[in-house]
PDB file of N, CA and C in Angstrom:
ATOM      1  N   MET A   1     197.009 160.519 228.257  1.00  0.00           N
ATOM      2  CA  MET A   1     195.409 159.847 227.803  1.00  0.00           C
ATOM      3  C   MET A   1     195.767 157.908 227.448  1.00  0.00           C
ATOM      4  N   ASN A   2     195.070 157.405 228.334  1.00  0.00           N
ATOM      5  CA  ASN A   2     195.381 155.912 228.113  1.00  0.00           C
ATOM      6  C   ASN A   2     195.342 155.722 226.674  1.00  0.00           C
ATOM      7  N   GLU A   3     195.859 154.705 226.348  1.00  0.00           N
ATOM      8  CA  GLU A   3     195.326 154.578 224.717  1.00  0.00           C
ATOM      9  C   GLU A   3     194.381 153.291 224.518  1.00  0.00           C
ATOM     10  N   ILE A   4     195.398 152.211 225.475  1.00  0.00           N
ATOM     11  CA  ILE A   4     194.076 150.752 225.313  1.00  0.00           C
ATOM     12  C   ILE A   4     192.590 151.394 226.002  1.00  0.00           C
ATOM     13  N   LEU A   5     191.821 152.080 226.803  1.00  0.00           N
ATOM     14  CA  LEU A   5     190.990 152.542 227.187  1.00  0.00           C
ATOM     15  C   LEU A   5     190.199 153.460 226.117  1.00  0.00           C
ATOM     16  N   TYR A   6     191.179 154.566 225.756  1.00  0.00           N
ATOM     17  CA  TYR A   6     190.310 154.890 224.283  1.00  0.00           C
ATOM     18  C   TYR A   6     190.082 154.090 223.495  1.00  0.00           C
ATOM     19  N   THR A   7     190.860 153.377 223.096  1.00  0.00           N
ATOM     20  CA  THR A   7     190.500 152.331 222.198  1.00  0.00           C
ATOM     21  C   THR A   7     189.289 151.683 222.287  1.00  0.00           C
ATOM     22  N   LEU A   8     188.764 151.492 223.331  1.00  0.00           N
ATOM     23  CA  LEU A   8     187.662 150.648 223.860  1.00  0.00           C
ATOM     24  C   LEU A   8     187.210 151.298 223.661  1.00  0.00           C
ATOM     25  N   CYS A   9     186.463 152.837 224.365  1.00  0.00           N
ATOM     26  CA  CYS A   9     186.097 153.080 224.354  1.00  0.00           C
ATOM     27  C   CYS A   9     185.386 153.948 222.668  1.00  0.00           C
ATOM     28  N   ARG A  10     186.241 153.499 221.703  1.00  0.00           N
ATOM     29  CA  ARG A  10     185.917 153.893 220.482  1.00  0.00           C
ATOM     30  C   ARG A  10     185.463 153.015 219.294  1.00  0.00           C
ATOM     31  N   HIS A  11     185.573 151.483 220.372  1.00  0.00           N
ATOM     32  CA  HIS A  11     185.495 150.105 219.938  1.00  0.00           C
ATOM     33  C   HIS A  11     183.910 150.183 220.044  1.00  0.00           C
ATOM     34  N   ASN A  12     183.603 150.693 221.716  1.00  0.00           N
ATOM     35  CA  ASN A  12     181.930 150.550 222.233  1.00  0.00           C
ATOM     36  C   ASN A  12     180.847 151.607 221.588  1.00  0.00           C
ATOM     37  N   LEU A  13     182.068 152.332 221.114  1.00  0.00           N
ATOM     38  CA  LEU A  13     181.039 153.693 220.890  1.00  0.00           C
ATOM     39  C   LEU A  13     180.823 153.267 219.156  1.00  0.00           C
ATOM     40  N   SER A  14     180.738 152.369 218.298  1.00  0.00           N
ATOM     41  CA  SER A  14     181.019 152.238 217.101  1.00  0.00           C
ATOM     42  C   SER A  14     179.528 151.605 217.066  1.00  0.00           C
ATOM     43  N   ILE A  15     178.284 151.941 216.076  1.00  0.00           N
ATOM     44  CA  ILE A  15     177.506 152.130 216.018  1.00  0.00           C
ATOM     45  C   ILE A  15     177.734 150.537 214.890  1.00  0.00           C
ATOM     46  N   MET A  16     178.391 149.849 214.591  1.00  0.00           N
ATOM     47  CA  MET A  16     178.273 148.644 213.727  1.00  0.00           C
ATOM     48  C   MET A  16     178.945 147.695 214.939  1.00  0.00           C
ATOM     49  N   GLY A  17     179.980 147.983 215.261  1.00  0.00           N
ATOM     50  CA  GLY A  17     180.435 146.766 215.998  1.00  0.00           C
ATOM     51  C   GLY A  17     180.652 146.942 217.854  1.00  0.00           C
ATOM     52  N   GLY A  18     180.196 147.866 217.992  1.00  0.00           N
ATOM     53  CA  GLY A  18     180.400 147.775 219.716  1.00  0.00           C
ATOM     54  C   GLY A  18     180.118 147.106 220.914  1.00  0.00           C
ATOM     55  N   TRP A  19     178.854 146.373 220.301  1.00  0.00           N
ATOM     56  CA  TRP A  19     177.925 145.352 220.624  1.00  0.00           C
ATOM     57  C   TRP A  19     179.224 144.230 221.177  1.00  0.00           C
ATOM     58  N   VAL A  20     180.251 144.002 220.531  1.00  0.00           N
ATOM     59  CA  VAL A  20     181.190 142.716 220.564  1.00  0.00           C
ATOM     60  C   VAL A  20     182.307 143.286 221.516  1.00  0.00           C
ATOM     61  N   PRO A  21     182.800 142.189 222.211  1.00  0.00           N
ATOM     62  CA  PRO A  21     183.697 142.453 223.239  1.00  0.00           C
ATOM     63  C   PRO A  21     185.076 142.203 222.455  1.00  0.00           C
ATOM     64  N   TYR A  22     185.735 143.344 223.011  1.00  0.00           N
ATOM     65  CA  TYR A  22     187.096 143.450 222.105  1.00  0.00           C
ATOM     66  C   TYR A  22     188.672 142.432 222.217  1.00  0.00           C
ATOM     67  N   PRO A  23     188.585 141.835 221.996  1.00  0.00           N
ATOM     68  CA  PRO A  23     189.894 140.676 222.498  1.00  0.00           C
ATOM     69  C   PRO A  23     191.159 141.590 222.722  1.00  0.00           C
ATOM     70  N   SER A  24     191.935 141.215 223.688  1.00  0.00           N
ATOM     71  CA  SER A  24     193.064 141.383 224.273  1.00  0.00           C
ATOM     72  C   SER A  24     194.205 141.630 222.814  1.00  0.00           C
ATOM     73  N   THR A  25     193.736 140.364 222.294  1.00  0.00           N
ATOM     74  CA  THR A  25     195.086 140.228 221.387  1.00  0.00           C
ATOM     75  C   THR A  25     194.546 141.449 220.028  1.00  0.00           C
ATOM     76  N   HIS A  26     193.547 141.528 219.713  1.00  0.00           N
ATOM     77  CA  HIS A  26     193.175 142.546 218.643  1.00  0.00           C
ATOM     78  C   HIS A  26     193.955 144.280 219.067  1.00  0.00           C
ATOM     79  N   LEU A  27     193.606 144.536 220.367  1.00  0.00           N
ATOM     80  CA  LEU A  27     193.787 145.622 221.144  1.00  0.00           C
ATOM     81  C   LEU A  27     195.130 146.039 221.399  1.00  0.00           C
ATOM     82  N   SER A  28     196.037 144.695 221.830  1.00  0.00           N
ATOM     83  CA  SER A  28     197.418 145.003 221.422  1.00  0.00           C
ATOM     84  C   SER A  28     197.881 145.442 220.120  1.00  0.00           C
ATOM     85  N   LYS A  29     197.481 144.270 219.099  1.00  0.00           N
ATOM     86  CA  LYS A  29     197.418 145.085 217.475  1.00  0.00           C
ATOM     87  C   LYS A  29     197.889 146.474 217.090  1.00  0.00           C
ATOM     88  N   CYS A  30     196.103 146.998 217.604  1.00  0.00           N
ATOM     89  CA  CYS A  30     195.580 148.698 217.292  1.00  0.00           C
ATOM     90  C   CYS A  30     196.040 149.087 217.656  1.00  0.00           C
ATOM     91  N   CYS A  31     197.030 149.059 219.348  1.00  0.00           N
ATOM     92  CA  CYS A  31     197.811 150.286 219.948  1.00  0.00           C
ATOM     93  C   CYS A  31     199.534 149.826 219.530  1.00  0.00           C
ATOM     94  N   GLY A  32     199.719 149.218 219.241  1.00  0.00           N
ATOM     95  CA  GLY A  32     201.280 149.127 218.328  1.00  0.00           C
ATOM     96  C   GLY A  32     202.081 148.425 220.032  1.00  0.00           C
ATOM     97  N   LEU A  33     200.775 147.146 221.305  1.00  0.00           N
ATOM     98  CA  LEU A  33     201.759 147.224 222.017  1.00  0.00           C
ATOM     99  C   LEU A  33     201.832 145.726 222.331  1.00  0.00           C
ATOM    100  N   SER A  34     202.583 144.938 222.904  1.00  0.00           N
ATOM    101  CA  SER A  34     203.217 143.461 223.431  1.00  0.00           C
ATOM    102  C   SER A  34     201.647 143.274 224.151  1.00  0.00           C
ATOM    103  N   LEU A  35     201.237 141.837 223.579  1.00  0.00           N
ATOM    104  CA  LEU A  35     199.838 141.728 224.259  1.00  0.00           C
ATOM    105  C   LEU A  35     200.594 141.432 225.838  1.00  0.00           C
ATOM    106  N   TYR A  36     201.545 141.345 226.555  1.00  0.00           N
ATOM    107  CA  TYR A  36     201.780 141.407 227.886  1.00  0.00           C
ATOM    108  C   TYR A  36     201.465 142.725 228.603  1.00  0.00           C
ATOM    109  N   LYS A  37     202.257 143.766 227.685  1.00  0.00           N
ATOM    110  CA  LYS A  37     201.894 144.888 227.871  1.00  0.00           C
ATOM    111  C   LYS A  37     200.140 145.044 228.225  1.00  0.00           C
ATOM    112  N   THR A  38     199.024 144.851 226.933  1.00  0.00           N
ATOM    113  CA  THR A  38     197.768 145.298 227.202  1.00  0.00           C
ATOM    114  C   THR A  38     197.488 144.392 228.377  1.00  0.00           C
ATOM    115  N   ARG A  39     197.653 143.517 228.481  1.00  0.00           N
ATOM    116  CA  ARG A  39     197.379 142.328 229.284  1.00  0.00           C
ATOM    117  C   ARG A  39     197.212 143.269 231.346  1.00  0.00           C
ATOM    118  N   LYS A  40     198.118 143.795 230.807  1.00  0.00           N
ATOM    119  CA  LYS A  40     198.804 144.202 232.261  1.00  0.00           C
ATOM    120  C   LYS A  40     198.279 145.266 232.526  1.00  0.00           C
ATOM    121  N   GLU A  41     198.141 145.685 231.544  1.00  0.00           N
ATOM    122  CA  GLU A  41     196.868 147.457 231.187  1.00  0.00           C
ATOM    123  C   GLU A  41     195.831 147.080 231.588  1.00  0.00           C
ATOM    124  N   LEU A  42     195.180 146.478 230.952  1.00  0.00           N
ATOM    125  CA  LEU A  42     193.390 146.086 231.018  1.00  0.00           C
ATOM    126  C   LEU A  42     193.075 145.273 232.812  1.00  0.00           C
ATOM    127  N   LYS A  43     194.587 144.732 233.524  1.00  0.00           N
ATOM    128  CA  LYS A  43     194.232 144.334 234.571  1.00  0.00           C
ATOM    129  C   LYS A  43     193.990 145.894 235.534  1.00  0.00           C
ATOM    130  N   LYS A  44     194.898 146.308 235.140  1.00  0.00           N
ATOM    131  CA  LYS A  44     194.927 147.906 236.104  1.00  0.00           C
ATOM    132  C   LYS A  44     193.430 148.550 235.865  1.00  0.00           C
ATOM    133  N   LEU A  45     192.854 148.596 234.302  1.00  0.00           N
ATOM    134  CA  LEU A  45     192.118 149.677 233.948  1.00  0.00           C
ATOM    135  C   LEU A  45     190.966 148.850 234.665  1.00  0.00           C
ATOM    136  N   LYS A  46     190.476 147.235 234.825  1.00  0.00           N
ATOM    137  CA  LYS A  46     190.082 146.241 235.875  1.00  0.00           C
ATOM    138  C   LYS A  46     189.980 146.687 237.137  1.00  0.00           C
ATOM    139  N   ASP A  47     191.212 146.861 237.381  1.00  0.00           N
ATOM    140  CA  ASP A  47     191.024 147.424 239.173  1.00  0.00           C
ATOM    141  C   ASP A  47     190.535 148.667 239.325  1.00  0.00           C
ATOM    142  N   GLN A  48     190.779 149.699 238.769  1.00  0.00           N
ATOM    143  CA  GLN A  48     190.162 150.814 238.280  1.00  0.00           C
ATOM    144  C   GLN A  48     188.294 150.564 238.410  1.00  0.00           C
ATOM    145  N   GLY A  49     187.760 149.725 237.851  1.00  0.00           N
ATOM    146  CA  GLY A  49     186.436 149.183 237.600  1.00  0.00           C
ATOM    147  C   GLY A  49     186.237 149.899 236.304  1.00  0.00           C
ATOM    148  N   LEU A  50     187.128 150.328 235.235  1.00  0.00           N
ATOM    149  CA  LEU A  50     186.578 151.369 234.028  1.00  0.00           C
ATOM    150  C   LEU A  50     186.697 149.903 232.969  1.00  0.00           C
ATOM    151  N   VAL A  51     187.016 148.808 232.806  1.00  0.00           N
ATOM    152  CA  VAL A  51     186.575 147.740 231.967  1.00  0.00           C
ATOM    153  C   VAL A  51     185.838 146.635 232.842  1.00  0.00           C
ATOM    154  N   VAL A  52     185.723 145.981 231.744  1.00  0.00           N
ATOM    155  CA  VAL A  52     184.967 144.700 232.578  1.00  0.00           C
ATOM    156  C   VAL A  52     185.316 142.995 231.118  1.00  0.00           C
ATOM    157  N   SER A  53     185.308 142.249 231.314  1.00  0.00           N
ATOM    158  CA  SER A  53     185.328 140.958 230.995  1.00  0.00           C
ATOM    159  C   SER A  53     183.769 140.720 230.211  1.00  0.00           C
ATOM    160  N   ASP A  54     184.149 140.271 228.847  1.00  0.00           N
ATOM    161  CA  ASP A  54     182.763 140.029 228.635  1.00  0.00           C
ATOM    162  C   ASP A  54     182.320 138.977 227.382  1.00  0.00           C
ATOM    163  N   ILE A  55     181.663 138.159 227.602  1.00  0.00           N
ATOM    164  CA  ILE A  55     181.767 137.214 226.590  1.00  0.00           C
ATOM    165  C   ILE A  55     179.686 136.925 225.993  1.00  0.00           C
ATOM    166  N   LYS A  56     179.918 137.494 224.808  1.00  0.00           N
ATOM    167  CA  LYS A  56     179.139 136.974 224.054  1.00  0.00           C
ATOM    168  C   LYS A  56     179.254 135.466 223.205  1.00  0.00           C
ATOM    169  N   ILE A  57     178.031 134.743 223.059  1.00  0.00           N
ATOM    170  CA  ILE A  57     178.145 133.300 222.441  1.00  0.00           C
ATOM    171  C   ILE A  57     176.596 134.250 221.212  1.00  0.00           C
ATOM    172  N   ILE A  58     177.049 133.524 219.934  1.00  0.00           N
ATOM    173  CA  ILE A  58     176.111 133.961 219.219  1.00  0.00           C
ATOM    174  C   ILE A  58     175.627 132.273 218.258  1.00  0.00           C
ATOM    175  N   SER A  59     174.594 132.216 217.997  1.00  0.00           N
ATOM    176  CA  SER A  59     174.357 131.175 217.196  1.00  0.00           C
ATOM    177  C   SER A  59     173.109 131.555 216.929  1.00  0.00           C
ATOM    178  N   ASP A  60     173.630 130.634 214.779  1.00  0.00           N
ATOM    179  CA  ASP A  60     172.576 130.847 214.104  1.00  0.00           C
ATOM    180  C   ASP A  60     172.879 129.431 213.333  1.00  0.00           C
ATOM    181  N   ASP A  61     171.912 129.455 212.079  1.00  0.00           N
ATOM    182  CA  ASP A  61     172.196 127.994 211.411  1.00  0.00           C
ATOM    183  C   ASP A  61     173.369 127.378 210.976  1.00  0.00           C
ATOM    184  N   GLU A  62     174.434 128.249 211.208  1.00  0.00           N
ATOM    185  CA  GLU A  62     175.416 127.805 210.480  1.00  0.00           C
ATOM    186  C   GLU A  62     176.289 127.237 211.854  1.00  0.00           C
ATOM    187  N   GLY A  63     176.019 127.964 212.957  1.00  0.00           N
ATOM    188  CA  GLY A  63     176.990 126.862 214.041  1.00  0.00           C
ATOM    189  C   GLY A  63     176.953 128.341 215.183  1.00  0.00           C
ATOM    190  N   THR A  64     177.838 127.770 215.795  1.00  0.00           N
ATOM    191  CA  THR A  64     177.628 128.445 217.227  1.00  0.00           C
ATOM    192  C   THR A  64     179.328 129.370 217.554  1.00  0.00           C
ATOM    193  N   ALA A  65     179.521 130.620 217.768  1.00  0.00           N
ATOM    194  CA  ALA A  65     180.291 131.969 218.558  1.00  0.00           C
ATOM    195  C   ALA A  65     180.704 131.933 219.415  1.00  0.00           C
ATOM    196  N   ILE A  66     181.637 132.021 219.669  1.00  0.00           N
ATOM    197  CA  ILE A  66     182.318 132.250 221.819  1.00  0.00           C
ATOM    198  C   ILE A  66     182.893 133.813 221.367  1.00  0.00           C
ATOM    199  N   LEU A  67     182.389 134.783 221.658  1.00  0.00           N
ATOM    200  CA  LEU A  67     183.288 135.770 221.468  1.00  0.00           C
ATOM    201  C   LEU A  67     184.106 136.589 222.959  1.00  0.00           C
ATOM    202  N   ARG A  68     184.905 136.402 222.870  1.00  0.00           N
ATOM    203  CA  ARG A  68     185.649 136.805 224.669  1.00  0.00           C
ATOM    204  C   ARG A  68     186.066 137.928 224.468  1.00  0.00           C
ATOM    205  N   GLY A  69     186.248 139.475 225.458  1.00  0.00           N
ATOM    206  CA  GLY A  69     187.073 140.040 225.195  1.00  0.00           C
ATOM    207  C   GLY A  69     186.304 141.298 226.786  1.00  0.00           C
ATOM    208  N   TYR A  70     186.666 142.573 225.727  1.00  0.00           N
ATOM    209  CA  TYR A  70     186.710 143.775 227.551  1.00  0.00           C
ATOM    210  C   TYR A  70     185.610 144.295 226.511  1.00  0.00           C
ATOM    211  N   LYS A  71     184.797 145.470 227.625  1.00  0.00           N
ATOM    212  CA  LYS A  71     184.094 146.727 227.213  1.00  0.00           C
ATOM    213  C   LYS A  71     184.160 147.427 228.201  1.00  0.00           C
ATOM    214  N   ILE A  72     183.706 148.561 228.221  1.00  0.00           N
ATOM    215  CA  ILE A  72     183.783 149.654 229.021  1.00  0.00           C
ATOM    216  C   ILE A  72     182.601 149.428 230.243  1.00  0.00           C
ATOM    217  N   THR A  73     182.908 150.179 231.265  1.00  0.00           N
ATOM    218  CA  THR A  73     181.988 150.700 232.220  1.00  0.00           C
ATOM    219  C   THR A  73     181.234 151.703 232.593  1.00  0.00           C
ATOM    220  N   ASP A  74     180.287 151.440 233.238  1.00  0.00           N
ATOM    221  CA  ASP A  74     179.701 152.901 233.119  1.00  0.00           C
ATOM    222  C   ASP A  74     180.554 154.400 233.425  1.00  0.00           C
ATOM    223  N   LYS A  75     181.657 153.331 234.229  1.00  0.00           N
ATOM    224  CA  LYS A  75     182.535 154.558 235.236  1.00  0.00           C
ATOM    225  C   LYS A  75     183.201 154.785 233.978  1.00  0.00           C
ATOM    226  N   ALA A  76     183.432 154.332 232.790  1.00  0.00           N
ATOM    227  CA  ALA A  76     184.358 154.738 231.995  1.00  0.00           C
ATOM    228  C   ALA A  76     183.755 156.035 231.364  1.00  0.00           C
ATOM    229  N   LYS A  77     182.650 156.255 231.007  1.00  0.00           N
ATOM    230  CA  LYS A  77     181.934 156.727 230.395  1.00  0.00           C
ATOM    231  C   LYS A  77     182.482 158.175 231.345  1.00  0.00           C
ATOM    232  N   ASN A  78     182.283 158.807 232.191  1.00  0.00           N
ATOM    233  CA  ASN A  78     183.074 159.998 232.671  1.00  0.00           C
ATOM    234  C   ASN A  78     184.652 160.061 232.442  1.00  0.00           C
ATOM    235  N   THR A  79     185.578 159.575 231.748  1.00  0.00           N
ATOM    236  CA  THR A  79     187.004 159.884 231.285  1.00  0.00           C
ATOM    237  C   THR A  79     186.654 160.459 229.980  1.00  0.00           C
ATOM    238  N   GLU A  80     188.560 161.372 229.817  1.00  0.00           N
ATOM    239  CA  GLU A  80     188.235 162.161 228.756  1.00  0.00           C
ATOM    240  C   GLU A  80     188.435 161.035 227.311  1.00  0.00           C
ATOM    241  N   GLU A  81     189.352 160.266 227.907  1.00  0.00           N
ATOM    242  CA  GLU A  81     189.018 159.107 226.301  1.00  0.00           C
ATOM    243  C   GLU A  81     187.521 158.620 225.816  1.00  0.00           C
ATOM    244  N   TYR A  82     186.691 158.446 226.934  1.00  0.00           N
ATOM    245  CA  TYR A  82     185.407 158.304 226.245  1.00  0.00           C
ATOM    246  C   TYR A  82     184.455 159.126 225.009  1.00  0.00           C
ATOM    247  N   ARG A  83     185.340 160.737 226.133  1.00  0.00           N
ATOM    248  CA  ARG A  83     184.312 162.060 225.816  1.00  0.00           C
ATOM    249  C   ARG A  83     185.302 162.299 224.073  1.00  0.00           C
ATOM    250  N   LYS A  84     186.455 162.199 224.122  1.00  0.00           N
ATOM    251  CA  LYS A  84     186.880 162.362 222.602  1.00  0.00           C
ATOM    252  C   LYS A  84     186.489 161.369 221.663  1.00  0.00           C
ATOM    253  N   ALA A  85     186.616 159.886 222.415  1.00  0.00           N
ATOM    254  CA  ALA A  85     185.635 159.259 221.015  1.00  0.00           C
ATOM    255  C   ALA A  85     184.133 159.168 221.058  1.00  0.00           C
ATOM    256  N   HIS A  86     183.533 159.625 221.644  1.00  0.00           N
ATOM    257  CA  HIS A  86     182.192 159.802 221.678  1.00  0.00           C
ATOM    258  C   HIS A  86     181.966 160.975 220.498  1.00  0.00           C
ATOM    259  N   LYS A  87     183.084 162.337 220.954  1.00  0.00           N
ATOM    260  CA  LYS A  87     183.041 163.072 219.861  1.00  0.00           C
ATOM    261  C   LYS A  87     183.540 163.292 218.398  1.00  0.00           C
ATOM    262  N   GLU A  88     183.936 161.622 218.414  1.00  0.00           N
ATOM    263  CA  GLU A  88     185.169 161.750 217.071  1.00  0.00           C
ATOM    264  C   GLU A  88     183.396 160.179 216.636  1.00  0.00           C
ATOM    265  N   GLU A  89     182.958 159.597 216.814  1.00  0.00           N
ATOM    266  CA  GLU A  89     181.972 159.030 216.489  1.00  0.00           C
ATOM    267  C   GLU A  89     181.329 159.558 216.211  1.00  0.00           C
ATOM    268  N   ARG A  90     180.420 160.487 216.793  1.00  0.00           N
ATOM    269  CA  ARG A  90     179.443 161.533 216.788  1.00  0.00           C
ATOM    270  C   ARG A  90     179.591 162.560 215.169  1.00  0.00           C
ATOM    271  N   GLU A  91     180.921 163.129 214.715  1.00  0.00           N
ATOM    272  CA  GLU A  91     181.185 163.503 213.963  1.00  0.00           C
ATOM    273  C   GLU A  91     181.150 162.360 212.815  1.00  0.00           C
ATOM    274  N   ILE A  92     181.701 161.030 212.749  1.00  0.00           N
ATOM    275  CA  ILE A  92     181.752 160.127 211.594  1.00  0.00           C
ATOM    276  C   ILE A  92     180.091 160.139 210.994  1.00  0.00           C
ATOM    277  N   CYS A  93     179.281 159.893 212.133  1.00  0.00           N
ATOM    278  CA  CYS A  93     178.163 159.457 212.180  1.00  0.00           C
ATOM    279  C   CYS A  93     177.095 160.427 210.656  1.00  0.00           C
ATOM    280  N   ILE A  94     177.480 161.965 211.900  1.00  0.00           N
ATOM    281  CA  ILE A  94     176.625 162.618 211.059  1.00  0.00           C
ATOM    282  C   ILE A  94     177.369 163.137 209.313  1.00  0.00           C
ATOM    283  N   LYS A  95     178.810 163.118 209.967  1.00  0.00           N
ATOM    284  CA  LYS A  95     179.566 163.088 208.103  1.00  0.00           C
ATOM    285  C   LYS A  95     178.506 161.866 207.767  1.00  0.00           C
ATOM    286  N   VAL A  96     178.083 160.800 207.512  1.00  0.00           N
ATOM    287  CA  VAL A  96     178.052 159.341 206.620  1.00  0.00           C
ATOM    288  C   VAL A  96     177.208 159.668 206.634  1.00  0.00           C
ATOM    289  N   PHE A  97     175.980 159.842 207.758  1.00  0.00           N
ATOM    290  CA  PHE A  97     174.608 159.363 207.975  1.00  0.00           C
ATOM    291  C   PHE A  97     173.799 160.941 207.319  1.00  0.00           C
ATOM    292  N   LYS A  98     174.649 162.112 207.899  1.00  0.00           N
ATOM    293  CA  LYS A  98     173.612 163.111 207.818  1.00  0.00           C
ATOM    294  C   LYS A  98     172.656 163.629 208.583  1.00  0.00           C
ATOM    295  N   MET A  99     172.467 163.112 209.860  1.00  0.00           N
ATOM    296  CA  MET A  99     172.083 163.226 211.069  1.00  0.00           C
ATOM    297  C   MET A  99     173.078 162.896 211.970  1.00  0.00           C
ATOM    298  N   ASP A 100     172.197 162.977 213.235  1.00  0.00           N
ATOM    299  CA  ASP A 100     172.860 162.740 214.784  1.00  0.00           C
ATOM    300  C   ASP A 100     172.555 161.802 215.212  1.00  0.00           C
ATOM    301  N   VAL A 101     173.417 160.586 214.789  1.00  0.00           N
ATOM    302  CA  VAL A 101     172.787 158.998 215.235  1.00  0.00           C
ATOM    303  C   VAL A 101     173.321 158.756 216.612  1.00  0.00           C
ATOM    304  N   ILE A 102     174.145 158.781 217.410  1.00  0.00           N
ATOM    305  CA  ILE A 102     174.581 159.253 218.612  1.00  0.00           C
ATOM    306  C   ILE A 102     173.978 159.925 219.444  1.00  0.00           C
ATOM    307  N   GLY A 103     173.839 161.216 219.101  1.00  0.00           N
ATOM    308  CA  GLY A 103     173.417 161.932 220.125  1.00  0.00           C
ATOM    309  C   GLY A 103     174.807 162.566 220.948  1.00  0.00           C
ATOM    310  N   GLU A 104     173.948 163.977 221.250  1.00  0.00           N
ATOM    311  CA  GLU A 104     174.801 164.718 222.285  1.00  0.00           C
ATOM    312  C   GLU A 104     175.717 163.643 223.693  1.00  0.00           C
ATOM    313  N   LEU A 105     176.830 163.865 223.985  1.00  0.00           N
ATOM    314  CA  LEU A 105     177.413 163.130 225.298  1.00  0.00           C
ATOM    315  C   LEU A 105     176.887 163.641 226.480  1.00  0.00           C
ATOM    316  N   VAL A 106     175.924 163.159 227.334  1.00  0.00           N
ATOM    317  CA  VAL A 106     175.048 163.210 227.777  1.00  0.00           C
ATOM    318  C   VAL A 106     175.851 162.920 229.503  1.00  0.00           C
ATOM    319  N   GLU A 107     176.621 164.018 230.667  1.00  0.00           N
ATOM    320  CA  GLU A 107     177.450 164.148 231.478  1.00  0.00           C
ATOM    321  C   GLU A 107     176.116 163.687 233.125  1.00  0.00           C
ATOM    322  N   GLU A 108     176.889 163.156 233.431  1.00  0.00           N
ATOM    323  CA  GLU A 108     176.242 161.872 234.526  1.00  0.00           C
ATOM    324  C   GLU A 108     176.504 163.425 235.474  1.00  0.00           C
TER     325      GLU A 108
END
């Protein structure tokens, strides 16, 4: 199992912050890898079409923030890492909210 892809899938499935691109610096800390190894693995995943770079610009009365990082693609949703992350997030949502917030995984 690819730990970086799994971590990205968990982040993207999160109902709290899944819309925010996940920076490589946070991925390296979360996975316990050097930033070099993390970025090298992200390049491989990008070449396989499983992740893409993403930028979000958020503006409000207090200012503007630019968020840069990575997110998974639709192709990544057919991986073992995604299925495992989906199952875990679904179980958490059922436990916390007493209802199925994200639904069953639909195989394409």
